[in-house]
Amino acid sequence: MHADQKTASKVSDVLLSVKDDKSTAAQAVRDGLNIVGYIKTTKDDFKHTLALLKKAGVDKSFLFAFK
């Protein structure tokens, strides 16, 4: 399932804003997830991981499951 660009952008904006949000709700999110916040990433940030996955034979049809 894919979200439309407007919805994806809205969700991204909300997640990225958690880092600098001083509200009690945002602090509860950071504490509950044990995070400082989220940062914007690009495909380049994952190039080493993607190369390893490709080498391991993982592609979009790979059905991963925890057991």
Protein backbone atom coordinates (compact mmCIF):
# COMPACT_ATOMS: atom_id res chain seq x y z
CA MET A 1 0.00 0.00 0.00
CA HIS A 2 1.31 3.44 -0.90
CA ALA A 3 0.30 6.84 0.47
CA ASP A 4 -0.24 9.76 -1.84
CA GLN A 5 2.51 12.40 -1.87
CA LYS A 6 0.49 14.92 0.18
CA THR A 7 -0.10 12.40 2.98
CA ALA A 8 3.49 11.14 2.90
CA SER A 9 4.79 14.70 3.11
CA LYS A 10 2.50 15.49 6.04
CA VAL A 11 3.63 12.39 7.96
CA SER A 12 7.28 13.17 7.20
CA ASP A 13 6.88 16.75 8.44
CA VAL A 14 5.29 15.59 11.69
CA LEU A 15 7.99 12.98 12.35
CA LEU A 16 10.82 15.38 11.56
CA SER A 17 9.33 18.06 13.83
CA VAL A 18 9.37 15.78 16.91
CA LYS A 19 13.08 16.55 17.45
CA ASP A 20 12.60 20.28 18.09
CA ASP A 21 9.05 20.22 19.47
CA LYS A 22 9.07 21.39 23.11
CA SER A 23 5.55 20.14 23.89
CA THR A 24 4.83 17.55 26.55
CA ALA A 25 3.36 15.25 23.89
CA ALA A 26 6.53 15.38 21.78
CA GLN A 27 8.67 14.76 24.86
CA ALA A 28 6.51 11.73 25.68
CA VAL A 29 7.06 10.40 22.13
CA ARG A 30 10.83 10.87 22.41
CA ASP A 31 10.92 9.27 25.85
CA GLY A 32 8.62 6.41 24.85
CA LEU A 33 10.68 5.60 21.77
CA ASN A 34 13.98 6.40 23.50
CA ILE A 35 14.97 8.74 20.66
CA VAL A 36 16.21 12.30 20.28
CA GLY A 37 14.27 12.73 17.06
CA TYR A 38 14.18 11.83 13.40
CA ILE A 39 16.37 13.13 10.58
CA LYS A 40 15.75 13.24 6.85
CA THR A 41 17.66 10.54 4.97
CA THR A 42 18.39 9.80 1.35
CA LYS A 43 19.04 6.64 -0.64
CA ASP A 44 22.76 7.52 -0.42
CA ASP A 45 22.61 7.08 3.36
CA PHE A 46 21.79 3.41 2.78
CA LYS A 47 24.04 2.64 -0.20
CA HIS A 48 26.26 0.26 1.81
CA THR A 49 23.26 -1.54 3.29
CA LEU A 50 21.56 -1.78 -0.10
CA ALA A 51 24.74 -3.21 -1.62
CA LEU A 52 24.89 -5.89 1.08
CA LEU A 53 21.22 -6.76 0.57
CA LYS A 54 21.73 -7.03 -3.18
CA LYS A 55 24.79 -9.26 -2.65
CA ALA A 56 22.68 -11.48 -0.37
CA GLY A 57 20.05 -11.84 -3.08
CA VAL A 58 17.40 -9.73 -1.36
CA ASP A 59 15.07 -7.88 -3.71
CA LYS A 60 11.54 -6.41 -3.58
CA SER A 61 10.01 -9.88 -3.86
CA PHE A 62 11.91 -11.15 -0.79
CA LEU A 63 9.46 -12.29 1.88
CA PHE A 64 11.11 -11.59 5.22
CA ALA A 65 9.53 -12.88 8.43
CA PHE A 66 10.62 -13.08 12.07
CA LYS A 67 10.26 -16.55 13.56
